[in-house]
PDB file of N, CA and C in Angstrom:
ATOM      1  N   MET A   1    -102.981  91.540 190.176  1.00  0.00           N
ATOM      2  CA  MET A   1    -102.209  91.122 189.030  1.00  0.00           C
ATOM      3  C   MET A   1    -101.382  89.903 189.417  1.00  0.00           C
ATOM      4  N   LYS A   2    -101.354  88.933 188.551  1.00  0.00           N
ATOM      5  CA  LYS A   2    -100.618  87.697 188.778  1.00  0.00           C
ATOM      6  C   LYS A   2     -99.117  87.945 188.708  1.00  0.00           C
ATOM      7  N   SER A   3     -98.362  87.386 189.637  1.00  0.00           N
ATOM      8  CA  SER A   3     -96.923  87.577 189.595  1.00  0.00           C
ATOM      9  C   SER A   3     -96.309  86.604 188.599  1.00  0.00           C
ATOM     10  N   THR A   4     -95.205  87.015 187.976  1.00  0.00           N
ATOM     11  CA  THR A   4     -94.544  86.180 186.984  1.00  0.00           C
ATOM     12  C   THR A   4     -93.137  85.860 187.447  1.00  0.00           C
ATOM     13  N   ALA A   5     -92.547  84.848 186.852  1.00  0.00           N
ATOM     14  CA  ALA A   5     -91.211  84.410 187.237  1.00  0.00           C
ATOM     15  C   ALA A   5     -90.140  85.389 186.789  1.00  0.00           C
ATOM     16  N   ALA A   6     -90.381  86.094 185.698  1.00  0.00           N
ATOM     17  CA  ALA A   6     -89.365  87.007 185.164  1.00  0.00           C
ATOM     18  C   ALA A   6     -90.036  88.176 184.463  1.00  0.00           C
ATOM     19  N   SER A   7     -89.326  89.266 184.401  1.00  0.00           N
ATOM     20  CA  SER A   7     -89.792  90.408 183.621  1.00  0.00           C
ATOM     21  C   SER A   7     -88.576  91.053 182.980  1.00  0.00           C
ATOM     22  N   TRP A   8     -88.797  91.709 181.862  1.00  0.00           N
ATOM     23  CA  TRP A   8     -87.710  92.327 181.128  1.00  0.00           C
ATOM     24  C   TRP A   8     -88.043  93.782 180.863  1.00  0.00           C
ATOM     25  N   PRO A   9     -87.057  94.662 180.999  1.00  0.00           N
ATOM     26  CA  PRO A   9     -87.289  96.059 180.642  1.00  0.00           C
ATOM     27  C   PRO A   9     -87.391  96.168 179.124  1.00  0.00           C
ATOM     28  N   ALA A  10     -88.007  97.224 178.656  1.00  0.00           N
ATOM     29  CA  ALA A  10     -88.174  97.386 177.211  1.00  0.00           C
ATOM     30  C   ALA A  10     -87.877  98.815 176.793  1.00  0.00           C
ATOM     31  N   THR A  11     -87.324  98.930 175.613  1.00  0.00           N
ATOM     32  CA  THR A  11     -87.082 100.225 174.997  1.00  0.00           C
ATOM     33  C   THR A  11     -87.532 100.132 173.552  1.00  0.00           C
ATOM     34  N   SER A  12     -88.188 101.148 173.080  1.00  0.00           N
ATOM     35  CA  SER A  12     -88.628 101.179 171.688  1.00  0.00           C
ATOM     36  C   SER A  12     -88.437 102.595 171.169  1.00  0.00           C
ATOM     37  N   ALA A  13     -87.872 102.701 169.977  1.00  0.00           N
ATOM     38  CA  ALA A  13     -87.629 104.012 169.377  1.00  0.00           C
ATOM     39  C   ALA A  13     -88.306 104.074 168.015  1.00  0.00           C
ATOM     40  N   GLY A  14     -88.516 105.261 167.550  1.00  0.00           N
ATOM     41  CA  GLY A  14     -89.110 105.446 166.233  1.00  0.00           C
ATOM     42  C   GLY A  14     -90.459 106.112 166.323  1.00  0.00           C
ATOM     43  N   PRO A  15     -91.067 106.342 165.176  1.00  0.00           N
ATOM     44  CA  PRO A  15     -92.328 107.082 165.145  1.00  0.00           C
ATOM     45  C   PRO A  15     -93.488 106.370 165.840  1.00  0.00           C
ATOM     46  N   ALA A  16     -93.407 105.060 165.971  1.00  0.00           N
ATOM     47  CA  ALA A  16     -94.497 104.318 166.611  1.00  0.00           C
ATOM     48  C   ALA A  16     -94.028 103.624 167.889  1.00  0.00           C
ATOM     49  N   GLY A  17     -92.898 104.065 168.448  1.00  0.00           N
ATOM     50  CA  GLY A  17     -92.313 103.406 169.616  1.00  0.00           C
ATOM     51  C   GLY A  17     -93.265 103.275 170.789  1.00  0.00           C
ATOM     52  N   GLY A  18     -93.941 104.347 171.121  1.00  0.00           N
ATOM     53  CA  GLY A  18     -94.876 104.309 172.245  1.00  0.00           C
ATOM     54  C   GLY A  18     -96.028 103.358 172.000  1.00  0.00           C
ATOM     55  N   GLY A  19     -96.536 103.344 170.782  1.00  0.00           N
ATOM     56  CA  GLY A  19     -97.638 102.449 170.437  1.00  0.00           C
ATOM     57  C   GLY A  19     -97.242 100.989 170.509  1.00  0.00           C
ATOM     58  N   VAL A  20     -96.018 100.697 170.082  1.00  0.00           N
ATOM     59  CA  VAL A  20     -95.512  99.327 170.138  1.00  0.00           C
ATOM     60  C   VAL A  20     -95.436  98.869 171.590  1.00  0.00           C
ATOM     61  N   LEU A  21     -94.840  99.679 172.462  1.00  0.00           N
ATOM     62  CA  LEU A  21     -94.727  99.307 173.868  1.00  0.00           C
ATOM     63  C   LEU A  21     -96.095  99.184 174.530  1.00  0.00           C
ATOM     64  N   TYR A  22     -97.004 100.080 174.191  1.00  0.00           N
ATOM     65  CA  TYR A  22     -98.347 100.017 174.762  1.00  0.00           C
ATOM     66  C   TYR A  22     -99.025  98.699 174.382  1.00  0.00           C
ATOM     67  N   GLY A  23     -98.930  98.326 173.111  1.00  0.00           N
ATOM     68  CA  GLY A  23     -99.548  97.078 172.663  1.00  0.00           C
ATOM     69  C   GLY A  23     -98.962  95.863 173.361  1.00  0.00           C
ATOM     70  N   LEU A  24     -97.644  95.859 173.531  1.00  0.00           N
ATOM     71  CA  LEU A  24     -97.007  94.738 174.224  1.00  0.00           C
ATOM     72  C   LEU A  24     -97.383  94.713 175.704  1.00  0.00           C
ATOM     73  N   ALA A  25     -97.490  95.882 176.317  1.00  0.00           N
ATOM     74  CA  ALA A  25     -97.897  95.940 177.723  1.00  0.00           C
ATOM     75  C   ALA A  25     -99.308  95.386 177.909  1.00  0.00           C
ATOM     76  N   ILE A  26    -100.207  95.707 177.007  1.00  0.00           N
ATOM     77  CA  ILE A  26    -101.577  95.177 177.063  1.00  0.00           C
ATOM     78  C   ILE A  26    -101.565  93.662 176.905  1.00  0.00           C
ATOM     79  N   ALA A  27    -100.738  93.159 175.977  1.00  0.00           N
ATOM     80  CA  ALA A  27    -100.648  91.710 175.764  1.00  0.00           C
ATOM     81  C   ALA A  27    -100.125  91.003 177.008  1.00  0.00           C
ATOM     82  N   VAL A  28     -99.110  91.569 177.640  1.00  0.00           N
ATOM     83  CA  VAL A  28     -98.551  90.967 178.856  1.00  0.00           C
ATOM     84  C   VAL A  28     -99.571  91.005 179.982  1.00  0.00           C
ATOM     85  N   GLN A  29    -100.204  92.144 180.168  1.00  0.00           N
ATOM     86  CA  GLN A  29    -101.180  92.285 181.258  1.00  0.00           C
ATOM     87  C   GLN A  29    -102.333  91.294 181.107  1.00  0.00           C
ATOM     88  N   ASN A  30    -102.720  91.027 179.870  1.00  0.00           N
ATOM     89  CA  ASN A  30    -103.844  90.120 179.623  1.00  0.00           C
ATOM     90  C   ASN A  30    -103.405  88.688 179.352  1.00  0.00           C
ATOM     91  N   GLU A  31    -102.095  88.428 179.535  1.00  0.00           N
ATOM     92  CA  GLU A  31    -101.535  87.092 179.400  1.00  0.00           C
ATOM     93  C   GLU A  31    -101.859  86.440 178.055  1.00  0.00           C
ATOM     94  N   ILE A  32    -101.698  87.206 176.996  1.00  0.00           N
ATOM     95  CA  ILE A  32    -101.925  86.697 175.645  1.00  0.00           C
ATOM     96  C   ILE A  32    -100.762  85.774 175.282  1.00  0.00           C
ATOM     97  N   PRO A  33    -101.021  84.551 174.880  1.00  0.00           N
ATOM     98  CA  PRO A  33     -99.941  83.629 174.533  1.00  0.00           C
ATOM     99  C   PRO A  33     -99.153  84.115 173.313  1.00  0.00           C
ATOM    100  N   VAL A  34     -97.850  83.838 173.321  1.00  0.00           N
ATOM    101  CA  VAL A  34     -96.983  84.240 172.211  1.00  0.00           C
ATOM    102  C   VAL A  34     -97.491  83.647 170.899  1.00  0.00           C
ATOM    103  N   GLU A  35     -97.943  82.422 170.923  1.00  0.00           N
ATOM    104  CA  GLU A  35     -98.450  81.787 169.692  1.00  0.00           C
ATOM    105  C   GLU A  35     -99.603  82.590 169.095  1.00  0.00           C
ATOM    106  N   ARG A  36    -100.448  83.137 169.930  1.00  0.00           N
ATOM    107  CA  ARG A  36    -101.562  83.954 169.423  1.00  0.00           C
ATOM    108  C   ARG A  36    -101.048  85.278 168.856  1.00  0.00           C
ATOM    109  N   LEU A  37    -100.060  85.871 169.512  1.00  0.00           N
ATOM    110  CA  LEU A  37     -99.485  87.128 169.017  1.00  0.00           C
ATOM    111  C   LEU A  37     -98.792  86.934 167.675  1.00  0.00           C
ATOM    112  N   ARG A  38     -98.205  85.751 167.463  1.00  0.00           N
ATOM    113  CA  ARG A  38     -97.520  85.475 166.191  1.00  0.00           C
ATOM    114  C   ARG A  38     -98.453  85.591 165.002  1.00  0.00           C
ATOM    115  N   HIS A  39     -99.728  85.354 165.198  1.00  0.00           N
ATOM    116  CA  HIS A  39    -100.693  85.379 164.107  1.00  0.00           C
ATOM    117  C   HIS A  39    -101.513  86.668 164.072  1.00  0.00           C
ATOM    118  N   MET A  40    -101.089  87.636 164.853  1.00  0.00           N
ATOM    119  CA  MET A  40    -101.784  88.922 164.910  1.00  0.00           C
ATOM    120  C   MET A  40    -101.533  89.728 163.634  1.00  0.00           C
ATOM    121  N   MET A  41    -102.536  90.420 163.175  1.00  0.00           N
ATOM    122  CA  MET A  41    -102.389  91.300 162.014  1.00  0.00           C
ATOM    123  C   MET A  41    -102.094  92.704 162.538  1.00  0.00           C
ATOM    124  N   PHE A  42    -100.893  93.211 162.248  1.00  0.00           N
ATOM    125  CA  PHE A  42    -100.485  94.521 162.716  1.00  0.00           C
ATOM    126  C   PHE A  42    -100.988  95.601 161.773  1.00  0.00           C
ATOM    127  N   ALA A  43    -101.476  96.696 162.343  1.00  0.00           N
ATOM    128  CA  ALA A  43    -101.999  97.801 161.546  1.00  0.00           C
ATOM    129  C   ALA A  43    -100.912  98.465 160.709  1.00  0.00           C
ATOM    130  N   TYR A  44     -99.715  98.558 161.249  1.00  0.00           N
ATOM    131  CA  TYR A  44     -98.597  99.199 160.554  1.00  0.00           C
ATOM    132  C   TYR A  44     -97.416  98.235 160.534  1.00  0.00           C
ATOM    133  N   PRO A  45     -97.404  97.263 159.611  1.00  0.00           N
ATOM    134  CA  PRO A  45     -96.355  96.245 159.605  1.00  0.00           C
ATOM    135  C   PRO A  45     -94.937  96.805 159.551  1.00  0.00           C
ATOM    136  N   ALA A  46     -94.731  97.924 158.876  1.00  0.00           N
ATOM    137  CA  ALA A  46     -93.382  98.495 158.795  1.00  0.00           C
ATOM    138  C   ALA A  46     -92.894  98.923 160.181  1.00  0.00           C
ATOM    139  N   PHE A  47     -93.783  99.447 161.024  1.00  0.00           N
ATOM    140  CA  PHE A  47     -93.401  99.887 162.364  1.00  0.00           C
ATOM    141  C   PHE A  47     -93.290  98.710 163.334  1.00  0.00           C
ATOM    142  N   HIS A  48     -94.040  97.656 163.081  1.00  0.00           N
ATOM    143  CA  HIS A  48     -94.102  96.535 164.010  1.00  0.00           C
ATOM    144  C   HIS A  48     -93.260  95.346 163.576  1.00  0.00           C
ATOM    145  N   ARG A  49     -92.455  95.514 162.547  1.00  0.00           N
ATOM    146  CA  ARG A  49     -91.638  94.412 162.019  1.00  0.00           C
ATOM    147  C   ARG A  49     -90.742  93.804 163.106  1.00  0.00           C
ATOM    148  N   ALA A  50     -90.157  94.618 163.955  1.00  0.00           N
ATOM    149  CA  ALA A  50     -89.290  94.099 165.023  1.00  0.00           C
ATOM    150  C   ALA A  50     -90.069  93.210 165.987  1.00  0.00           C
ATOM    151  N   VAL A  51     -91.318  93.561 166.250  1.00  0.00           N
ATOM    152  CA  VAL A  51     -92.148  92.734 167.136  1.00  0.00           C
ATOM    153  C   VAL A  51     -92.406  91.386 166.467  1.00  0.00           C
ATOM    154  N   GLU A  52     -92.765  91.413 165.192  1.00  0.00           N
ATOM    155  CA  GLU A  52     -92.998  90.167 164.461  1.00  0.00           C
ATOM    156  C   GLU A  52     -91.747  89.298 164.454  1.00  0.00           C
ATOM    157  N   ASP A  53     -90.584  89.903 164.204  1.00  0.00           N
ATOM    158  CA  ASP A  53     -89.321  89.163 164.189  1.00  0.00           C
ATOM    159  C   ASP A  53     -89.028  88.557 165.553  1.00  0.00           C
ATOM    160  N   ALA A  54     -89.246  89.314 166.620  1.00  0.00           N
ATOM    161  CA  ALA A  54     -88.973  88.816 167.969  1.00  0.00           C
ATOM    162  C   ALA A  54     -89.903  87.657 168.332  1.00  0.00           C
ATOM    163  N   LEU A  55     -91.137  87.717 167.878  1.00  0.00           N
ATOM    164  CA  LEU A  55     -92.085  86.641 168.165  1.00  0.00           C
ATOM    165  C   LEU A  55     -91.775  85.378 167.360  1.00  0.00           C
ATOM    166  N   THR A  56     -91.250  85.573 166.153  1.00  0.00           N
ATOM    167  CA  THR A  56     -90.951  84.445 165.273  1.00  0.00           C
ATOM    168  C   THR A  56     -89.607  83.806 165.607  1.00  0.00           C
ATOM    169  N   HIS A  57     -88.640  84.629 165.993  1.00  0.00           N
ATOM    170  CA  HIS A  57     -87.274  84.146 166.268  1.00  0.00           C
ATOM    171  C   HIS A  57     -86.812  84.630 167.642  1.00  0.00           C
ATOM    172  N   PRO A  58     -87.434  84.185 168.732  1.00  0.00           N
ATOM    173  CA  PRO A  58     -87.033  84.663 170.054  1.00  0.00           C
ATOM    174  C   PRO A  58     -85.595  84.281 170.391  1.00  0.00           C
ATOM    175  N   GLY A  59     -84.879  85.227 170.972  1.00  0.00           N
ATOM    176  CA  GLY A  59     -83.512  84.963 171.392  1.00  0.00           C
ATOM    177  C   GLY A  59     -82.462  85.146 170.334  1.00  0.00           C
ATOM    178  N   HIS A  60     -82.851  85.482 169.103  1.00  0.00           N
ATOM    179  CA  HIS A  60     -81.875  85.691 168.028  1.00  0.00           C
ATOM    180  C   HIS A  60     -81.637  87.160 167.838  1.00  0.00           C
ATOM    181  N   ASP A  61     -80.388  87.544 167.618  1.00  0.00           N
ATOM    182  CA  ASP A  61     -80.034  88.948 167.371  1.00  0.00           C
ATOM    183  C   ASP A  61     -79.931  89.203 165.886  1.00  0.00           C
TER     184      ASP A  61
END
């Protein structure tokens, strides 16, 4: 596995929390660019809204 300059811990809660983290872990492991993830069609948009927001507005609370 390729080493990276930084890594961040993650926490996800809710009915699809585990699925959200699993999907992000797969994306990181396969080095999927953020720009490509921004255009991804999520199966459950209501559960993945936070992921979409984070990809669209990184660094904003």
